[in-house]
């Protein structure tokens, strides 16, 4: 029987291999379902294995309140010089009901700097999220750690409800690899999302098709010095529509976070989002976002 360290390492490698398969034909479909099954099994079965393994580890969970709150404020602007600045915000409340396990809910809003009459449905409330998180889903003696999340998104925004979206479910896995002590680390993220729509098209004219499948893989590099953490992350998202339409989107994010106290932290970030089109430059930015995030353990 394999040890916990070998099982965890095997799961991480299988997930990475299954998600980097060729994005075409049956190979891509097989990789999708292999990764989906693996993530689901990890979220359902691993808590018992992880608990048994962690009990023999020298590390212990830091004392903290079961309640946490996070506030995020952001500003964004499209690449068109005529685009308006948009301001948004979101709030997240979390509750840790057992060590390393928590549930959370978030809601937000988006508002332009001026009243836009052409697309008023794009602004207002954003989609709401309910989530279940397992921190240290995988914890190996060589320092590799993985966190798992399972999110349910509800169409509380006007643009999602107009597209006939009913719900979206998304399991994800984030893996952290230490490179030099605890100061330098790499990380990878993997998410599979499926959206339920009432109609295949997103508009009444039937020109735009909804994309129920969304696959995101990311790589990042971080540096931690004292109470400050700086990171650069790159994500690649592949969407598949009902009419077999395929869209590729890349995102680059730079962030810096500071632990103010044992209970409070603040972070700033800048994000560039770009839909990859053949006649555009590699980083022909479609949307630029800057933001601040505050987190507090009650």
C-alpha atoms as a PDB file:
ATOM      1  CA  UNK A   1       0.000   0.000   0.000  1.00  0.00           C
ATOM      2  CA  UNK A   2       1.368   3.392  -0.962  1.00  0.00           C
ATOM      3  CA  UNK A   3       2.197   5.904   1.737  1.00  0.00           C
ATOM      4  CA  UNK A   4       0.309   9.203   2.051  1.00  0.00           C
ATOM      5  CA  UNK A   5       3.217  11.143   0.549  1.00  0.00           C
ATOM      6  CA  UNK A   6       3.362   8.894  -2.531  1.00  0.00           C
ATOM      7  CA  UNK A   7      -0.420   8.969  -2.991  1.00  0.00           C
ATOM      8  CA  UNK A   8      -0.526  12.765  -2.783  1.00  0.00           C
ATOM      9  CA  UNK A   9       2.358  13.207  -5.203  1.00  0.00           C
ATOM     10  CA  UNK A  10       0.752  10.762  -7.641  1.00  0.00           C
ATOM     11  CA  UNK A  11      -2.550  12.668  -7.511  1.00  0.00           C
ATOM     12  CA  UNK A  12      -0.839  16.005  -8.217  1.00  0.00           C
ATOM     13  CA  UNK A  13       1.133  14.580 -11.148  1.00  0.00           C
ATOM     14  CA  UNK A  14      -1.905  12.848 -12.643  1.00  0.00           C
ATOM     15  CA  UNK A  15      -3.903  16.071 -12.492  1.00  0.00           C
ATOM     16  CA  UNK A  16      -1.140  18.113 -14.130  1.00  0.00           C
ATOM     17  CA  UNK A  17      -0.694  15.486 -16.872  1.00  0.00           C
ATOM     18  CA  UNK A  18      -4.415  15.191 -17.596  1.00  0.00           C
ATOM     19  CA  UNK A  19      -4.921  18.936 -17.928  1.00  0.00           C
ATOM     20  CA  UNK A  20      -2.036  19.643 -20.276  1.00  0.00           C
ATOM     21  CA  UNK A  21      -3.151  17.107 -22.884  1.00  0.00           C
ATOM     22  CA  UNK A  22      -3.639  18.257 -26.441  1.00  0.00           C
ATOM     23  CA  UNK A  23      -6.681  20.540 -26.758  1.00  0.00           C
ATOM     24  CA  UNK A  24      -8.347  18.703 -29.631  1.00  0.00           C
ATOM     25  CA  UNK A  25     -10.616  15.752 -30.360  1.00  0.00           C
ATOM     26  CA  UNK A  26     -11.092  12.760 -28.101  1.00  0.00           C
ATOM     27  CA  UNK A  27      -7.760  13.288 -26.325  1.00  0.00           C
ATOM     28  CA  UNK A  28      -8.983  16.590 -24.946  1.00  0.00           C
ATOM     29  CA  UNK A  29     -12.338  15.114 -23.869  1.00  0.00           C
ATOM     30  CA  UNK A  30     -10.619  12.207 -22.166  1.00  0.00           C
ATOM     31  CA  UNK A  31      -8.304  14.566 -20.313  1.00  0.00           C
ATOM     32  CA  UNK A  32     -11.245  16.676 -19.162  1.00  0.00           C
ATOM     33  CA  UNK A  33     -13.160  13.810 -17.628  1.00  0.00           C
ATOM     34  CA  UNK A  34     -10.048  12.233 -16.141  1.00  0.00           C
ATOM     35  CA  UNK A  35      -9.264  15.512 -14.393  1.00  0.00           C
ATOM     36  CA  UNK A  36     -12.900  15.965 -13.294  1.00  0.00           C
ATOM     37  CA  UNK A  37     -12.997  12.517 -11.704  1.00  0.00           C
ATOM     38  CA  UNK A  38      -9.654  13.080  -9.990  1.00  0.00           C
ATOM     39  CA  UNK A  39     -10.638  16.444  -8.517  1.00  0.00           C
ATOM     40  CA  UNK A  40     -13.981  15.062  -7.318  1.00  0.00           C
ATOM     41  CA  UNK A  41     -12.325  12.077  -5.645  1.00  0.00           C
ATOM     42  CA  UNK A  42      -9.795  14.344  -3.947  1.00  0.00           C
ATOM     43  CA  UNK A  43     -12.527  16.609  -2.565  1.00  0.00           C
ATOM     44  CA  UNK A  44     -14.639  13.693  -1.325  1.00  0.00           C
ATOM     45  CA  UNK A  45     -12.083  11.149  -0.111  1.00  0.00           C
ATOM     46  CA  UNK A  46      -8.879  12.974   0.779  1.00  0.00           C
ATOM     47  CA  UNK A  47     -10.050  14.745   4.009  1.00  0.00           C
ATOM     48  CA  UNK A  48      -9.897  11.408   5.885  1.00  0.00           C
ATOM     49  CA  UNK A  49      -6.473  10.518   4.429  1.00  0.00           C
ATOM     50  CA  UNK A  50      -5.126  14.022   5.020  1.00  0.00           C
ATOM     51  CA  UNK A  51      -6.368  14.059   8.601  1.00  0.00           C
ATOM     52  CA  UNK A  52      -4.629  10.777   9.343  1.00  0.00           C
ATOM     53  CA  UNK A  53      -1.395  12.014   7.778  1.00  0.00           C
ATOM     54  CA  UNK A  54      -1.473  15.477   9.383  1.00  0.00           C
ATOM     55  CA  UNK A  55      -1.865  13.955  12.828  1.00  0.00           C
ATOM     56  CA  UNK A  56       1.695  12.659  12.567  1.00  0.00           C
ATOM     57  CA  UNK A  57       3.079  15.956  11.238  1.00  0.00           C
ATOM     58  CA  UNK A  58       4.948  18.381  13.460  1.00  0.00           C
ATOM     59  CA  UNK A  59       2.944  21.342  12.068  1.00  0.00           C
ATOM     60  CA  UNK A  60      -0.264  22.442  13.754  1.00  0.00           C
ATOM     61  CA  UNK A  61      -3.088  24.643  12.593  1.00  0.00           C
ATOM     62  CA  UNK A  62      -2.671  28.267  13.740  1.00  0.00           C
ATOM     63  CA  UNK A  63      -5.252  29.502  16.199  1.00  0.00           C
ATOM     64  CA  UNK A  64      -7.800  31.752  14.496  1.00  0.00           C
ATOM     65  CA  UNK A  65     -11.422  32.780  14.745  1.00  0.00           C
ATOM     66  CA  UNK A  66     -13.809  30.579  12.748  1.00  0.00           C
ATOM     67  CA  UNK A  67     -15.246  33.689  11.056  1.00  0.00           C
ATOM     68  CA  UNK A  68     -13.455  35.742   8.409  1.00  0.00           C
ATOM     69  CA  UNK A  69     -14.417  38.657   6.177  1.00  0.00           C
ATOM     70  CA  UNK A  70     -12.859  39.957   2.983  1.00  0.00           C
ATOM     71  CA  UNK A  71     -13.555  43.184   1.093  1.00  0.00           C
ATOM     72  CA  UNK A  72     -12.321  43.726  -2.457  1.00  0.00           C
ATOM     73  CA  UNK A  73     -12.384  47.077  -4.300  1.00  0.00           C
ATOM     74  CA  UNK A  74     -11.344  47.369  -7.940  1.00  0.00           C
ATOM     75  CA  UNK A  75     -11.258  49.665 -10.942  1.00  0.00           C
ATOM     76  CA  UNK A  76     -11.113  48.518 -14.567  1.00  0.00           C
ATOM     77  CA  UNK A  77     -11.000  49.873 -18.100  1.00  0.00           C
ATOM     78  CA  UNK A  78     -11.131  48.279 -21.542  1.00  0.00           C
ATOM     79  CA  UNK A  79      -8.520  48.700 -24.252  1.00  0.00           C
ATOM     80  CA  UNK A  80     -10.731  51.020 -26.333  1.00  0.00           C
ATOM     81  CA  UNK A  81      -9.809  54.649 -25.722  1.00  0.00           C
ATOM     82  CA  UNK A  82     -13.536  55.493 -25.574  1.00  0.00           C
ATOM     83  CA  UNK A  83     -14.234  52.970 -22.818  1.00  0.00           C
ATOM     84  CA  UNK A  84     -15.317  54.212 -19.413  1.00  0.00           C
ATOM     85  CA  UNK A  85     -13.672  53.400 -16.136  1.00  0.00           C
ATOM     86  CA  UNK A  86     -15.646  50.885 -14.109  1.00  0.00           C
ATOM     87  CA  UNK A  87     -15.590  50.564 -10.346  1.00  0.00           C
ATOM     88  CA  UNK A  88     -16.528  47.413  -8.512  1.00  0.00           C
ATOM     89  CA  UNK A  89     -16.506  45.773  -5.148  1.00  0.00           C
ATOM     90  CA  UNK A  90     -17.249  42.455  -3.529  1.00  0.00           C
ATOM     91  CA  UNK A  91     -17.584  41.099  -0.008  1.00  0.00           C
ATOM     92  CA  UNK A  92     -16.899  37.554   1.171  1.00  0.00           C
ATOM     93  CA  UNK A  93     -17.895  35.988   4.482  1.00  0.00           C
ATOM     94  CA  UNK A  94     -16.308  32.687   5.517  1.00  0.00           C
ATOM     95  CA  UNK A  95     -16.801  30.252   8.366  1.00  0.00           C
ATOM     96  CA  UNK A  96     -14.321  27.512   9.320  1.00  0.00           C
ATOM     97  CA  UNK A  97     -16.399  24.746  10.914  1.00  0.00           C
ATOM     98  CA  UNK A  98     -13.434  22.388  11.418  1.00  0.00           C
ATOM     99  CA  UNK A  99      -9.626  22.635  11.000  1.00  0.00           C
ATOM    100  CA  UNK A 100      -8.756  23.512   7.375  1.00  0.00           C
ATOM    101  CA  UNK A 101     -12.386  23.192   6.227  1.00  0.00           C
ATOM    102  CA  UNK A 102     -14.577  26.220   5.552  1.00  0.00           C
ATOM    103  CA  UNK A 103     -17.633  27.469   3.714  1.00  0.00           C
ATOM    104  CA  UNK A 104     -18.013  30.944   2.251  1.00  0.00           C
ATOM    105  CA  UNK A 105     -20.364  33.225   0.344  1.00  0.00           C
ATOM    106  CA  UNK A 106     -19.615  36.294  -1.753  1.00  0.00           C
ATOM    107  CA  UNK A 107     -21.532  38.991  -3.608  1.00  0.00           C
ATOM    108  CA  UNK A 108     -20.504  42.130  -5.440  1.00  0.00           C
ATOM    109  CA  UNK A 109     -21.364  45.016  -7.723  1.00  0.00           C
ATOM    110  CA  UNK A 110     -19.990  46.850 -10.745  1.00  0.00           C
ATOM    111  CA  UNK A 111     -20.637  50.482 -11.692  1.00  0.00           C
ATOM    112  CA  UNK A 112     -19.296  52.694 -14.506  1.00  0.00           C
ATOM    113  CA  UNK A 113     -17.787  56.129 -13.834  1.00  0.00           C
ATOM    114  CA  UNK A 114     -20.567  57.692 -15.930  1.00  0.00           C
ATOM    115  CA  UNK A 115     -24.113  56.627 -16.681  1.00  0.00           C
ATOM    116  CA  UNK A 116     -23.929  54.449 -19.801  1.00  0.00           C
ATOM    117  CA  UNK A 117     -27.230  54.193 -21.637  1.00  0.00           C
ATOM    118  CA  UNK A 118     -26.155  51.755 -24.373  1.00  0.00           C
ATOM    119  CA  UNK A 119     -25.395  48.745 -22.146  1.00  0.00           C
ATOM    120  CA  UNK A 120     -26.991  49.333 -18.745  1.00  0.00           C
ATOM    121  CA  UNK A 121     -27.448  45.581 -18.218  1.00  0.00           C
ATOM    122  CA  UNK A 122     -23.688  45.137 -17.906  1.00  0.00           C
ATOM    123  CA  UNK A 123     -23.610  46.929 -14.567  1.00  0.00           C
ATOM    124  CA  UNK A 124     -25.137  46.496 -11.140  1.00  0.00           C
ATOM    125  CA  UNK A 125     -24.958  43.323  -9.072  1.00  0.00           C
ATOM    126  CA  UNK A 126     -22.442  40.668 -10.083  1.00  0.00           C
ATOM    127  CA  UNK A 127     -22.940  36.926  -9.818  1.00  0.00           C
ATOM    128  CA  UNK A 128     -22.997  35.508  -6.281  1.00  0.00           C
ATOM    129  CA  UNK A 129     -20.899  32.554  -5.143  1.00  0.00           C
ATOM    130  CA  UNK A 130     -21.265  29.843  -2.528  1.00  0.00           C
ATOM    131  CA  UNK A 131     -18.162  27.783  -1.837  1.00  0.00           C
ATOM    132  CA  UNK A 132     -16.635  24.946   0.134  1.00  0.00           C
ATOM    133  CA  UNK A 133     -12.862  25.022   0.697  1.00  0.00           C
ATOM    134  CA  UNK A 134     -10.365  22.489   2.008  1.00  0.00           C
ATOM    135  CA  UNK A 135      -6.995  23.959   2.882  1.00  0.00           C
ATOM    136  CA  UNK A 136      -4.032  21.588   2.853  1.00  0.00           C
ATOM    137  CA  UNK A 137      -6.054  18.994   0.997  1.00  0.00           C
ATOM    138  CA  UNK A 138      -2.680  17.463   0.215  1.00  0.00           C
ATOM    139  CA  UNK A 139       0.273  18.081   2.541  1.00  0.00           C
ATOM    140  CA  UNK A 140       3.556  16.289   1.840  1.00  0.00           C
ATOM    141  CA  UNK A 141       6.746  16.212   3.866  1.00  0.00           C
ATOM    142  CA  UNK A 142       8.732  17.859   1.079  1.00  0.00           C
ATOM    143  CA  UNK A 143       6.570  20.974   1.473  1.00  0.00           C
ATOM    144  CA  UNK A 144       4.162  20.504  -1.441  1.00  0.00           C
ATOM    145  CA  UNK A 145       0.654  21.576  -0.446  1.00  0.00           C
ATOM    146  CA  UNK A 146      -2.635  21.629  -2.323  1.00  0.00           C
ATOM    147  CA  UNK A 147      -5.917  23.416  -1.595  1.00  0.00           C
ATOM    148  CA  UNK A 148      -9.272  22.360  -3.011  1.00  0.00           C
ATOM    149  CA  UNK A 149     -12.397  24.418  -3.664  1.00  0.00           C
ATOM    150  CA  UNK A 150     -15.882  23.624  -4.904  1.00  0.00           C
ATOM    151  CA  UNK A 151     -17.926  26.674  -5.942  1.00  0.00           C
ATOM    152  CA  UNK A 152     -21.541  27.205  -6.960  1.00  0.00           C
ATOM    153  CA  UNK A 153     -22.191  30.450  -8.850  1.00  0.00           C
ATOM    154  CA  UNK A 154     -25.710  31.895  -9.004  1.00  0.00           C
ATOM    155  CA  UNK A 155     -26.814  34.270 -11.835  1.00  0.00           C
ATOM    156  CA  UNK A 156     -27.605  37.350  -9.752  1.00  0.00           C
ATOM    157  CA  UNK A 157     -26.182  39.684 -12.412  1.00  0.00           C
ATOM    158  CA  UNK A 158     -28.389  40.988 -15.204  1.00  0.00           C
ATOM    159  CA  UNK A 159     -26.005  39.915 -17.954  1.00  0.00           C
ATOM    160  CA  UNK A 160     -25.976  36.286 -16.721  1.00  0.00           C
ATOM    161  CA  UNK A 161     -29.727  36.100 -16.316  1.00  0.00           C
ATOM    162  CA  UNK A 162     -30.224  37.552 -19.812  1.00  0.00           C
ATOM    163  CA  UNK A 163     -27.939  34.851 -21.167  1.00  0.00           C
ATOM    164  CA  UNK A 164     -30.324  32.321 -19.499  1.00  0.00           C
ATOM    165  CA  UNK A 165     -27.658  31.065 -17.105  1.00  0.00           C
ATOM    166  CA  UNK A 166     -29.116  28.998 -14.275  1.00  0.00           C
ATOM    167  CA  UNK A 167     -26.021  28.038 -12.264  1.00  0.00           C
ATOM    168  CA  UNK A 168     -22.333  27.201 -12.582  1.00  0.00           C
ATOM    169  CA  UNK A 169     -20.383  24.583 -10.642  1.00  0.00           C
ATOM    170  CA  UNK A 170     -16.587  24.649 -10.522  1.00  0.00           C
ATOM    171  CA  UNK A 171     -14.167  22.332  -8.677  1.00  0.00           C
ATOM    172  CA  UNK A 172     -10.593  23.636  -8.508  1.00  0.00           C
ATOM    173  CA  UNK A 173      -7.198  22.654  -7.164  1.00  0.00           C
ATOM    174  CA  UNK A 174      -4.290  24.937  -6.267  1.00  0.00           C
ATOM    175  CA  UNK A 175      -0.847  23.386  -5.679  1.00  0.00           C
ATOM    176  CA  UNK A 176       2.107  25.131  -4.015  1.00  0.00           C
ATOM    177  CA  UNK A 177       5.693  23.983  -4.612  1.00  0.00           C
ATOM    178  CA  UNK A 178       8.467  25.357  -2.333  1.00  0.00           C
ATOM    179  CA  UNK A 179      11.635  26.230  -4.263  1.00  0.00           C
ATOM    180  CA  UNK A 180      13.905  27.805  -1.655  1.00  0.00           C
ATOM    181  CA  UNK A 181      13.040  27.273   1.998  1.00  0.00           C
ATOM    182  CA  UNK A 182       9.769  29.092   2.665  1.00  0.00           C
ATOM    183  CA  UNK A 183      10.724  32.263   0.794  1.00  0.00           C
ATOM    184  CA  UNK A 184      10.495  31.336  -2.893  1.00  0.00           C
ATOM    185  CA  UNK A 185       7.680  29.166  -4.208  1.00  0.00           C
ATOM    186  CA  UNK A 186       5.908  28.196  -7.402  1.00  0.00           C
ATOM    187  CA  UNK A 187       2.225  27.391  -7.706  1.00  0.00           C
ATOM    188  CA  UNK A 188      -0.177  25.946 -10.228  1.00  0.00           C
ATOM    189  CA  UNK A 189      -3.955  26.215 -10.404  1.00  0.00           C
ATOM    190  CA  UNK A 190      -6.483  24.033 -12.218  1.00  0.00           C
ATOM    191  CA  UNK A 191     -10.228  24.622 -12.548  1.00  0.00           C
ATOM    192  CA  UNK A 192     -13.051  22.967 -14.459  1.00  0.00           C
ATOM    193  CA  UNK A 193     -16.331  24.870 -14.631  1.00  0.00           C
ATOM    194  CA  UNK A 194     -19.649  23.859 -16.140  1.00  0.00           C
ATOM    195  CA  UNK A 195     -22.537  26.317 -16.562  1.00  0.00           C
ATOM    196  CA  UNK A 196     -26.182  25.352 -16.906  1.00  0.00           C
ATOM    197  CA  UNK A 197     -28.130  27.440 -19.436  1.00  0.00           C
ATOM    198  CA  UNK A 198     -31.770  27.371 -20.387  1.00  0.00           C
ATOM    199  CA  UNK A 199     -30.986  28.316 -23.994  1.00  0.00           C
ATOM    200  CA  UNK A 200     -27.952  27.628 -26.171  1.00  0.00           C
ATOM    201  CA  UNK A 201     -27.697  31.228 -27.389  1.00  0.00           C
ATOM    202  CA  UNK A 202     -26.900  34.239 -25.227  1.00  0.00           C
ATOM    203  CA  UNK A 203     -29.022  36.717 -27.215  1.00  0.00           C
ATOM    204  CA  UNK A 204     -32.497  36.691 -28.705  1.00  0.00           C
ATOM    205  CA  UNK A 205     -31.140  36.998 -32.253  1.00  0.00           C
ATOM    206  CA  UNK A 206     -29.188  33.769 -31.817  1.00  0.00           C
ATOM    207  CA  UNK A 207     -25.837  35.159 -32.952  1.00  0.00           C
ATOM    208  CA  UNK A 208     -23.861  34.534 -29.773  1.00  0.00           C
ATOM    209  CA  UNK A 209     -23.654  31.036 -28.297  1.00  0.00           C
ATOM    210  CA  UNK A 210     -23.209  30.362 -24.604  1.00  0.00           C
ATOM    211  CA  UNK A 211     -20.101  28.487 -23.458  1.00  0.00           C
ATOM    212  CA  UNK A 212     -21.019  25.852 -20.846  1.00  0.00           C
ATOM    213  CA  UNK A 213     -17.499  24.403 -20.467  1.00  0.00           C
ATOM    214  CA  UNK A 214     -14.575  26.413 -19.118  1.00  0.00           C
ATOM    215  CA  UNK A 215     -11.106  25.044 -18.331  1.00  0.00           C
ATOM    216  CA  UNK A 216      -8.452  27.141 -16.620  1.00  0.00           C
ATOM    217  CA  UNK A 217      -4.830  26.266 -15.891  1.00  0.00           C
ATOM    218  CA  UNK A 218      -2.346  28.642 -14.333  1.00  0.00           C
ATOM    219  CA  UNK A 219       1.261  28.941 -13.231  1.00  0.00           C
ATOM    220  CA  UNK A 220       2.741  31.406 -10.759  1.00  0.00           C
ATOM    221  CA  UNK A 221       5.912  32.385  -8.948  1.00  0.00           C
ATOM    222  CA  UNK A 222       6.017  34.007  -5.500  1.00  0.00           C
ATOM    223  CA  UNK A 223       8.467  35.563  -3.070  1.00  0.00           C
ATOM    224  CA  UNK A 224       7.800  35.850   0.661  1.00  0.00           C
ATOM    225  CA  UNK A 225       9.926  38.202   2.761  1.00  0.00           C
ATOM    226  CA  UNK A 226       8.963  38.682   6.396  1.00  0.00           C
ATOM    227  CA  UNK A 227       5.254  39.669   6.296  1.00  0.00           C
ATOM    228  CA  UNK A 228       5.158  40.593   2.591  1.00  0.00           C
ATOM    229  CA  UNK A 229       4.285  38.237  -0.275  1.00  0.00           C
ATOM    230  CA  UNK A 230       4.770  39.215  -3.923  1.00  0.00           C
ATOM    231  CA  UNK A 231       3.530  36.990  -6.768  1.00  0.00           C
ATOM    232  CA  UNK A 232       3.152  36.857 -10.542  1.00  0.00           C
ATOM    233  CA  UNK A 233       0.527  34.516 -12.014  1.00  0.00           C
ATOM    234  CA  UNK A 234      -0.435  33.582 -15.559  1.00  0.00           C
ATOM    235  CA  UNK A 235      -3.735  31.822 -16.385  1.00  0.00           C
ATOM    236  CA  UNK A 236      -4.931  30.290 -19.638  1.00  0.00           C
ATOM    237  CA  UNK A 237      -8.684  29.704 -20.052  1.00  0.00           C
ATOM    238  CA  UNK A 238     -10.318  27.623 -22.777  1.00  0.00           C
ATOM    239  CA  UNK A 239     -14.098  27.928 -23.329  1.00  0.00           C
ATOM    240  CA  UNK A 240     -16.233  25.579 -25.425  1.00  0.00           C
ATOM    241  CA  UNK A 241     -19.614  26.764 -26.714  1.00  0.00           C
ATOM    242  CA  UNK A 242     -22.737  24.846 -27.701  1.00  0.00           C
ATOM    243  CA  UNK A 243     -21.957  25.273 -31.407  1.00  0.00           C
ATOM    244  CA  UNK A 244     -18.433  23.933 -30.780  1.00  0.00           C
ATOM    245  CA  UNK A 245     -17.191  27.522 -30.690  1.00  0.00           C
ATOM    246  CA  UNK A 246     -13.887  27.833 -28.860  1.00  0.00           C
ATOM    247  CA  UNK A 247     -12.473  30.882 -27.107  1.00  0.00           C
ATOM    248  CA  UNK A 248      -9.053  31.261 -25.507  1.00  0.00           C
ATOM    249  CA  UNK A 249      -8.370  33.896 -22.870  1.00  0.00           C
ATOM    250  CA  UNK A 250      -5.123  34.640 -21.049  1.00  0.00           C
ATOM    251  CA  UNK A 251      -4.736  36.579 -17.806  1.00  0.00           C
ATOM    252  CA  UNK A 252      -1.625  38.026 -16.212  1.00  0.00           C
ATOM    253  CA  UNK A 253      -1.755  39.119 -12.562  1.00  0.00           C
ATOM    254  CA  UNK A 254       0.798  40.828 -10.330  1.00  0.00           C
ATOM    255  CA  UNK A 255       0.033  41.097  -6.611  1.00  0.00           C
ATOM    256  CA  UNK A 256       1.576  42.112  -3.296  1.00  0.00           C
ATOM    257  CA  UNK A 257       0.138  41.296   0.110  1.00  0.00           C
ATOM    258  CA  UNK A 258       1.110  42.413   3.604  1.00  0.00           C
ATOM    259  CA  UNK A 259       0.072  40.869   6.925  1.00  0.00           C
ATOM    260  CA  UNK A 260      -0.707  43.892   9.078  1.00  0.00           C
ATOM    261  CA  UNK A 261      -1.481  41.915  12.228  1.00  0.00           C
ATOM    262  CA  UNK A 262      -2.161  38.296  13.070  1.00  0.00           C
ATOM    263  CA  UNK A 263      -5.800  38.844  12.088  1.00  0.00           C
ATOM    264  CA  UNK A 264      -5.682  41.431   9.300  1.00  0.00           C
ATOM    265  CA  UNK A 265      -3.995  41.589   5.905  1.00  0.00           C
ATOM    266  CA  UNK A 266      -4.136  43.853   2.849  1.00  0.00           C
ATOM    267  CA  UNK A 267      -3.107  43.202  -0.747  1.00  0.00           C
ATOM    268  CA  UNK A 268      -2.913  45.180  -3.983  1.00  0.00           C
ATOM    269  CA  UNK A 269      -3.022  43.700  -7.462  1.00  0.00           C
ATOM    270  CA  UNK A 270      -3.011  44.548 -11.165  1.00  0.00           C
ATOM    271  CA  UNK A 271      -4.548  42.225 -13.755  1.00  0.00           C
ATOM    272  CA  UNK A 272      -4.475  42.189 -17.546  1.00  0.00           C
ATOM    273  CA  UNK A 273      -7.028  40.086 -19.414  1.00  0.00           C
ATOM    274  CA  UNK A 274      -6.749  39.328 -23.124  1.00  0.00           C
ATOM    275  CA  UNK A 275      -8.828  37.241 -25.513  1.00  0.00           C
ATOM    276  CA  UNK A 276      -6.380  35.532 -27.861  1.00  0.00           C
ATOM    277  CA  UNK A 277      -7.178  36.367 -31.490  1.00  0.00           C
ATOM    278  CA  UNK A 278      -4.948  35.360 -34.389  1.00  0.00           C
ATOM    279  CA  UNK A 279      -4.489  38.866 -35.783  1.00  0.00           C
ATOM    280  CA  UNK A 280      -3.705  40.447 -32.413  1.00  0.00           C
ATOM    281  CA  UNK A 281      -0.437  40.733 -30.546  1.00  0.00           C
ATOM    282  CA  UNK A 282       0.274  38.167 -27.844  1.00  0.00           C
ATOM    283  CA  UNK A 283      -0.605  40.568 -25.025  1.00  0.00           C
ATOM    284  CA  UNK A 284      -3.081  42.860 -26.761  1.00  0.00           C
ATOM    285  CA  UNK A 285      -4.849  43.787 -23.540  1.00  0.00           C
ATOM    286  CA  UNK A 286      -8.653  43.786 -23.599  1.00  0.00           C
ATOM    287  CA  UNK A 287      -9.212  44.726 -19.947  1.00  0.00           C
ATOM    288  CA  UNK A 288      -6.987  46.216 -17.267  1.00  0.00           C
ATOM    289  CA  UNK A 289      -7.929  45.923 -13.595  1.00  0.00           C
ATOM    290  CA  UNK A 290      -6.325  47.294 -10.439  1.00  0.00           C
ATOM    291  CA  UNK A 291      -7.643  46.538  -6.994  1.00  0.00           C
ATOM    292  CA  UNK A 292      -7.236  46.400  -3.235  1.00  0.00           C
ATOM    293  CA  UNK A 293      -8.277  43.533  -0.999  1.00  0.00           C
ATOM    294  CA  UNK A 294      -8.708  43.567   2.798  1.00  0.00           C
ATOM    295  CA  UNK A 295      -9.081  40.422   4.882  1.00  0.00           C
ATOM    296  CA  UNK A 296      -9.852  40.147   8.567  1.00  0.00           C
ATOM    297  CA  UNK A 297     -10.327  37.186  10.922  1.00  0.00           C
ATOM    298  CA  UNK A 298     -12.991  38.086  13.440  1.00  0.00           C
END
